Amino acid sequence: MRKRVYITRTVPEIALQHLKANGIDYTVWTERRHQSEEELIPVLKDYDAIIVSGPLKVNRAFLEACSHLKIVSMMSVGYDNVDVAAAKELGIAVGNTPGVLSGATADTAFLLLLAASRKAFHMHKEIIRGNWNFWDPTANLGLELKGKTLGIVGLGRIGFELAQRCIGAYGMKLIYHNRGTNEEAERELGAVRVSFDELLQQSDVVSVHTALTPETKELFNKDAFSKMKPTAIFVNTARGGIHNEADLIAALESGTIWGAGLDVTNPEPMAADNPLLNMHNVAVLPHIGSATVDTRNAMAAIAAKNVIRTFEGRALEHAVVENIHRL
């Protein structure tokens, strides 16, 4: 029988082309609303795999109810919404799409850093409000980045690419905090590994690129922000759960830190009346780090290929939980 795949969002056509070329049937959920886990479970009884795009909670209960699935193929790098241990126990492969979105996400972090440092989003709103009138040479001043210190928490591929941009454009110094040493970054970018507290104290910009885990959940809280410079900018393009949003708002309102650039929020999506949206030194985007044509096409292709490889009994192109049915 032909294999069937359920896709939780409209995805780039390249994914469908790959599936079709390999004789795999698919169904795409096209409504502009999120299907709940409870709604999706009975639907999946007729499918062999799922491509997940969006905030679906692939927890133990979901996986046990869908234990016949051969693979959960994530169209994302992050998989904090997947119970990896349960997937391993049940023999369900889990794939993701790392690497291909590093450049696009680094660009987004760089954009947010620049926008926050020059109050760009706020000033654009001021034009719309009709407040572009009297010129005051002491008003709306931003911060310059030349020669400043960039501190990266979680210096992997995305952080590396952001650092390349910051060093190339502004000659910034690079420090980082990782569980292990990034020898490539130390060799090629002059990166210096420091403790978390040292990074907070020394950085003019703190950019987050780590995964959301129990250890990093709300890592950036009142205590962390209190250790940062009052001229520091906080940038998060990783996961919103890594910062405590109430503590971030308080730190910005009190002047504990200078500004923030966010592509991810906590919760997500954020409410339209969230104070962050009206702060002059904050730039917020709606989680668009990987939102380029090239990157989304590459992510969709990998997500489809991970499904194809699973059905063929081959190793996944990118595996969180490897295919136990490999030939």
Protein backbone atom coordinates (compact mmCIF):
# COMPACT_ATOMS: atom_id res chain seq x y z
CA MET A 1 0.00 0.00 0.00
CA ARG A 2 1.09 3.56 -0.70
CA LYS A 3 2.39 5.45 2.29
CA ARG A 4 0.50 8.52 3.51
CA VAL A 5 1.81 11.68 5.16
CA TYR A 6 -0.15 14.35 7.01
CA ILE A 7 1.23 17.91 6.84
CA THR A 8 0.05 20.33 9.53
CA ARG A 9 0.52 23.56 7.53
CA THR A 10 0.74 24.74 3.96
CA VAL A 11 4.40 24.19 3.10
CA PRO A 12 6.55 25.12 0.09
CA GLU A 13 5.73 23.14 -3.03
CA ILE A 14 9.15 21.50 -3.12
CA ALA A 15 8.19 19.24 -0.21
CA LEU A 16 5.12 17.99 -2.07
CA GLN A 17 7.15 17.43 -5.22
CA HIS A 18 9.60 15.21 -3.34
CA LEU A 19 6.80 13.17 -1.78
CA LYS A 20 4.94 12.81 -5.08
CA ALA A 21 8.10 11.76 -6.94
CA ASN A 22 8.56 8.95 -4.43
CA GLY A 23 5.00 7.66 -4.68
CA ILE A 24 3.91 8.99 -1.29
CA ASP A 25 0.40 10.35 -0.80
CA TYR A 26 -0.09 13.42 1.36
CA THR A 27 -2.77 15.59 2.91
CA VAL A 28 -2.11 19.24 3.73
CA TRP A 29 -4.08 21.07 6.42
CA THR A 30 -4.85 24.40 4.72
CA GLU A 31 -7.20 26.11 7.17
CA ARG A 32 -5.71 29.14 8.90
CA ARG A 33 -6.23 27.80 12.39
CA HIS A 34 -4.20 25.47 14.56
CA GLN A 35 -5.43 21.90 14.86
CA SER A 36 -5.35 20.80 18.47
CA GLU A 37 -3.61 17.61 19.48
CA GLU A 38 -6.98 16.10 20.43
CA GLU A 39 -8.42 16.98 17.03
CA LEU A 40 -5.46 15.59 15.16
CA ILE A 41 -5.05 12.22 16.90
CA PRO A 42 -8.08 10.50 15.29
CA VAL A 43 -7.15 11.93 11.88
CA LEU A 44 -3.66 10.42 12.03
CA LYS A 45 -4.90 6.83 12.36
CA ASP A 46 -4.98 6.73 8.56
CA TYR A 47 -1.44 8.09 8.10
CA ASP A 48 2.07 6.68 8.36
CA ALA A 49 3.93 9.91 9.08
CA ILE A 50 3.44 13.54 9.96
CA ILE A 51 5.32 16.66 8.91
CA VAL A 52 4.96 19.19 11.71
CA SER A 53 5.04 22.92 11.10
CA GLY A 54 3.65 25.00 13.93
CA PRO A 55 3.22 24.67 17.71
CA LEU A 56 1.87 21.12 17.87
CA LYS A 57 2.64 19.50 21.25
CA VAL A 58 4.09 16.12 20.34
CA ASN A 59 4.08 14.90 23.94
CA ARG A 60 3.95 11.37 25.35
CA ALA A 61 0.15 11.20 25.26
CA PHE A 62 0.12 12.27 21.61
CA LEU A 63 2.84 9.80 20.63
CA GLU A 64 1.26 6.90 22.49
CA ALA A 65 -2.04 7.62 20.74
CA CYS A 66 -0.19 7.73 17.40
CA SER A 67 2.35 4.98 18.04
CA HIS A 68 1.81 3.59 14.52
CA LEU A 69 3.58 6.62 13.01
CA LYS A 70 6.97 5.86 11.52
CA ILE A 71 8.28 9.41 11.81
CA VAL A 72 7.52 12.86 13.17
CA SER A 73 9.31 15.12 10.70
CA MET A 74 9.79 18.62 12.11
CA MET A 75 10.02 21.53 9.69
CA SER A 76 12.16 23.37 12.21
CA VAL A 77 15.47 23.17 14.01
CA GLY A 78 13.88 23.27 17.45
CA TYR A 79 12.13 20.23 18.84
CA ASP A 80 11.35 21.33 22.38
CA ASN A 81 7.70 20.51 21.66
CA VAL A 82 8.58 16.81 21.14
CA ASP A 83 8.94 14.24 23.92
CA VAL A 84 12.14 12.74 22.56
CA ALA A 85 12.35 10.03 25.24
CA ALA A 86 8.82 8.83 24.44
CA ALA A 87 9.57 8.78 20.72
CA LYS A 88 12.64 6.61 21.33
CA GLU A 89 10.66 4.21 23.52
CA LEU A 90 7.93 3.89 20.90
CA GLY A 91 10.35 3.51 17.98
CA ILE A 92 9.14 6.65 16.22
CA ALA A 93 11.82 8.53 14.30
CA VAL A 94 12.06 12.29 14.74
CA GLY A 95 13.74 14.50 12.15
CA ASN A 96 14.50 18.22 12.09
CA THR A 97 16.04 20.78 9.72
CA PRO A 98 19.25 22.28 11.16
CA GLY A 99 21.92 24.14 9.24
CA VAL A 100 19.88 25.54 6.36
CA LEU A 101 18.35 28.37 8.35
CA SER A 102 21.51 29.60 10.09
CA GLY A 103 22.13 32.50 7.72
CA ALA A 104 18.53 33.72 7.63
CA THR A 105 18.19 33.58 11.41
CA ALA A 106 21.54 35.32 11.92
CA ASP A 107 20.33 38.06 9.57
CA THR A 108 17.20 38.45 11.69
CA ALA A 109 19.23 38.74 14.89
CA PHE A 110 21.47 41.34 13.21
CA LEU A 111 18.40 43.24 12.00
CA LEU A 112 16.89 43.28 15.50
CA LEU A 113 20.16 44.40 17.04
CA LEU A 114 20.43 47.33 14.65
CA ALA A 115 16.74 48.22 14.96
CA ALA A 116 16.86 48.24 18.76
CA SER A 117 20.13 50.17 18.91
CA ARG A 118 18.67 52.98 16.78
CA LYS A 119 15.05 52.79 18.05
CA ALA A 120 14.06 52.15 14.44
CA PHE A 121 10.69 50.47 14.96
CA HIS A 122 9.58 53.19 17.39
CA MET A 123 10.67 56.00 15.10
CA HIS A 124 8.82 54.46 12.16
CA LYS A 125 5.66 54.47 14.30
CA GLU A 126 6.29 58.14 15.14
CA ILE A 127 6.20 59.01 11.45
CA ILE A 128 2.86 57.21 11.09
CA ARG A 129 1.56 59.12 14.14
CA GLY A 130 2.47 62.42 12.49
CA ASN A 131 5.23 63.22 14.96
CA TRP A 132 7.99 64.00 12.44
CA ASN A 133 8.16 67.75 13.00
CA PHE A 134 10.50 69.71 15.26
CA TRP A 135 14.11 68.51 15.13
CA ASP A 136 15.66 68.11 18.56
CA PRO A 137 19.38 67.21 18.49
CA THR A 138 19.13 65.62 21.95
CA ALA A 139 16.09 63.43 21.24
CA ASN A 140 15.79 59.83 20.03
CA LEU A 141 19.45 59.03 20.39
CA GLY A 142 20.60 55.47 19.88
CA LEU A 143 23.73 53.48 20.61
CA GLU A 144 26.68 52.83 18.31
CA LEU A 145 28.02 49.28 17.97
CA LYS A 146 31.56 49.85 16.72
CA GLY A 147 34.11 48.05 18.90
CA LYS A 148 31.49 46.87 21.40
CA THR A 149 31.40 43.40 22.98
CA LEU A 150 28.99 40.79 21.65
CA GLY A 151 28.13 38.02 24.09
CA ILE A 152 26.53 34.92 22.62
CA VAL A 153 24.77 32.32 24.75
CA GLY A 154 24.79 29.10 22.74
CA LEU A 155 27.49 29.68 20.13
CA GLY A 156 26.55 27.23 17.41
CA ARG A 157 26.10 27.82 13.69
CA ILE A 158 23.56 30.66 13.97
CA GLY A 159 25.57 32.45 16.64
CA PHE A 160 28.73 31.97 14.58
CA GLU A 161 27.12 33.62 11.56
CA LEU A 162 25.78 36.49 13.65
CA ALA A 163 29.26 37.01 15.09
CA GLN A 164 30.75 37.10 11.58
CA ARG A 165 28.34 39.90 10.68
CA CYS A 166 28.98 41.89 13.85
CA ILE A 167 32.75 41.54 13.60
CA GLY A 168 32.81 42.32 9.88
CA ALA A 169 30.56 45.35 10.14
CA TYR A 170 31.55 46.79 13.49
CA GLY A 171 34.74 45.13 14.65
CA MET A 172 32.94 43.81 17.70
CA LYS A 173 34.71 41.63 20.26
CA LEU A 174 33.21 38.17 20.80
CA ILE A 175 32.70 36.33 24.06
CA TYR A 176 30.47 33.30 24.51
CA HIS A 177 29.02 30.88 27.01
CA ASN A 178 28.61 27.24 25.99
CA ARG A 179 28.70 23.90 27.76
CA GLY A 180 31.69 23.06 25.59
CA THR A 181 34.39 24.92 23.68
CA ASN A 182 33.75 26.17 20.14
CA GLU A 183 37.25 25.76 18.75
CA GLU A 184 36.30 27.02 15.29
CA ALA A 185 34.94 30.28 16.70
CA GLU A 186 37.98 30.74 18.92
CA ARG A 187 40.33 30.08 16.02
CA GLU A 188 38.54 32.06 13.29
CA LEU A 189 36.71 34.79 15.22
CA GLY A 190 38.88 35.25 18.29
CA ALA A 191 35.99 34.17 20.53
CA VAL A 192 36.67 33.87 24.24
CA ARG A 193 34.69 31.42 26.35
CA VAL A 194 33.50 32.87 29.68
CA SER A 195 31.12 31.97 32.48
CA PHE A 196 27.47 33.00 32.21
CA ASP A 197 27.88 35.73 34.83
CA GLU A 198 31.01 37.07 33.13
CA LEU A 199 29.16 37.23 29.82
CA LEU A 200 26.29 39.18 31.39
CA GLN A 201 28.65 41.63 33.05
CA GLN A 202 30.94 42.25 30.07
CA SER A 203 28.60 42.25 27.06
CA ASP A 204 27.17 45.31 25.33
CA VAL A 205 24.94 42.97 23.36
CA VAL A 206 23.69 39.61 24.63
CA SER A 207 22.30 37.38 21.88
CA VAL A 208 20.63 34.05 22.65
CA HIS A 209 21.04 31.05 20.34
CA THR A 210 20.65 28.09 22.67
CA ALA A 211 17.95 25.43 22.66
CA LEU A 212 15.04 25.62 25.08
CA THR A 213 15.67 22.94 27.72
CA PRO A 214 14.81 22.59 31.41
CA GLU A 215 18.22 24.19 32.11
CA THR A 216 17.67 27.19 29.85
CA LYS A 217 13.97 27.79 30.58
CA GLU A 218 13.69 31.41 31.77
CA LEU A 219 17.47 31.56 32.05
CA PHE A 220 17.12 35.27 31.42
CA ASN A 221 15.17 36.44 34.44
CA LYS A 222 15.33 39.29 36.95
CA ASP A 223 18.62 38.03 38.37
CA ALA A 224 20.27 37.71 34.94
CA PHE A 225 19.09 41.11 33.72
CA SER A 226 20.33 42.73 36.95
CA LYS A 227 23.88 41.62 36.09
CA MET A 228 23.85 43.20 32.63
CA LYS A 229 25.09 46.68 31.76
CA PRO A 230 22.48 49.47 31.83
CA THR A 231 23.59 50.16 28.24
CA ALA A 232 23.17 46.52 27.12
CA ILE A 233 20.84 45.20 24.43
CA PHE A 234 19.22 41.77 24.80
CA VAL A 235 18.46 39.83 21.59
CA ASN A 236 16.52 36.56 21.46
CA THR A 237 15.90 34.72 18.18
CA ALA A 238 15.94 31.23 19.72
CA ARG A 239 12.90 30.43 21.87
CA GLY A 240 10.70 32.78 23.88
CA GLY A 241 10.72 30.47 26.88
CA ILE A 242 14.41 31.25 27.44
CA HIS A 243 13.48 34.65 28.87
CA ASN A 244 10.94 35.60 31.52
CA GLU A 245 8.91 38.24 29.72
CA ALA A 246 7.61 40.00 32.83
CA ASP A 247 11.17 40.30 34.11
CA LEU A 248 12.35 41.59 30.73
CA ILE A 249 9.63 44.24 30.68
CA ALA A 250 10.57 45.32 34.20
CA ALA A 251 14.27 45.48 33.30
CA LEU A 252 13.55 47.69 30.32
CA GLU A 253 11.11 49.96 32.15
CA SER A 254 13.52 50.45 35.05
CA GLY A 255 16.56 51.07 32.86
CA THR A 256 18.30 47.96 34.17
CA ILE A 257 19.09 47.22 30.51
CA TRP A 258 18.94 49.60 27.56
CA GLY A 259 17.00 47.73 24.88
CA ALA A 260 15.85 44.46 23.36
CA GLY A 261 15.29 42.79 20.00
CA LEU A 262 12.94 39.80 19.94
CA ASP A 263 11.92 37.40 17.19
CA VAL A 264 10.46 35.07 19.82
CA THR A 265 8.26 35.92 22.77
CA ASN A 266 6.90 34.31 25.91
CA PRO A 267 4.04 33.56 25.38
CA GLU A 268 3.86 33.35 21.61
CA PRO A 269 2.07 34.94 19.91
CA MET A 270 2.15 37.95 22.21
CA ALA A 271 -0.94 40.02 22.99
CA ALA A 272 -1.47 43.19 20.97
CA ASP A 273 -1.35 45.28 24.17
CA ASN A 274 2.00 43.86 25.33
CA PRO A 275 4.08 46.81 26.68
CA LEU A 276 7.10 45.65 24.67
CA LEU A 277 5.37 46.68 21.45
CA ASN A 278 5.29 50.35 22.47
CA MET A 279 8.73 50.74 24.02
CA HIS A 280 11.02 53.11 22.10
CA ASN A 281 14.09 50.88 22.51
CA VAL A 282 12.52 47.51 21.65
CA ALA A 283 12.13 45.78 18.27
CA VAL A 284 9.76 42.81 18.01
CA LEU A 285 9.16 40.49 15.04
CA PRO A 286 6.60 37.64 14.81
CA HIS A 287 9.05 34.68 14.76
CA ILE A 288 10.25 35.13 11.16
CA GLY A 289 13.88 34.09 11.66
CA SER A 290 13.81 31.53 8.84
CA ALA A 291 11.29 33.37 6.66
CA THR A 292 13.08 33.63 3.34
CA VAL A 293 12.14 31.82 0.15
CA ASP A 294 15.44 29.97 -0.05
CA THR A 295 15.47 28.91 3.59
CA ARG A 296 11.86 27.75 3.80
CA ASN A 297 12.30 25.77 0.58
CA ALA A 298 15.38 24.08 2.02
CA MET A 299 13.59 23.30 5.30
CA ALA A 300 10.58 21.84 3.48
CA ALA A 301 12.81 19.70 1.28
CA ILE A 302 14.66 18.25 4.28
CA ALA A 303 11.40 17.56 6.13
CA ALA A 304 10.10 15.63 3.10
CA LYS A 305 13.39 13.78 2.58
CA ASN A 306 13.40 12.66 6.22
CA VAL A 307 10.00 11.07 5.62
CA ILE A 308 11.15 9.44 2.38
CA ARG A 309 14.29 8.06 4.01
CA THR A 310 12.25 6.61 6.86
CA PHE A 311 9.95 4.77 4.46
CA GLU A 312 12.99 3.49 2.58
CA GLY A 313 14.59 2.21 5.78
CA ARG A 314 17.51 4.64 5.52
CA ALA A 315 19.17 7.00 7.98
CA LEU A 316 17.51 10.39 8.21
CA GLU A 317 19.13 13.40 6.61
CA HIS A 318 18.92 15.08 10.04
CA ALA A 319 17.84 12.98 13.01
CA VAL A 320 16.75 13.83 16.53
CA VAL A 321 15.62 10.21 16.97
CA GLU A 322 17.09 7.89 14.36
CA ASN A 323 15.00 5.52 12.27
CA ILE A 324 15.12 2.13 14.06
CA HIS A 325 13.76 0.39 10.95
CA ARG A 326 16.89 1.08 8.90
CA LEU A 327 17.76 -1.70 6.49
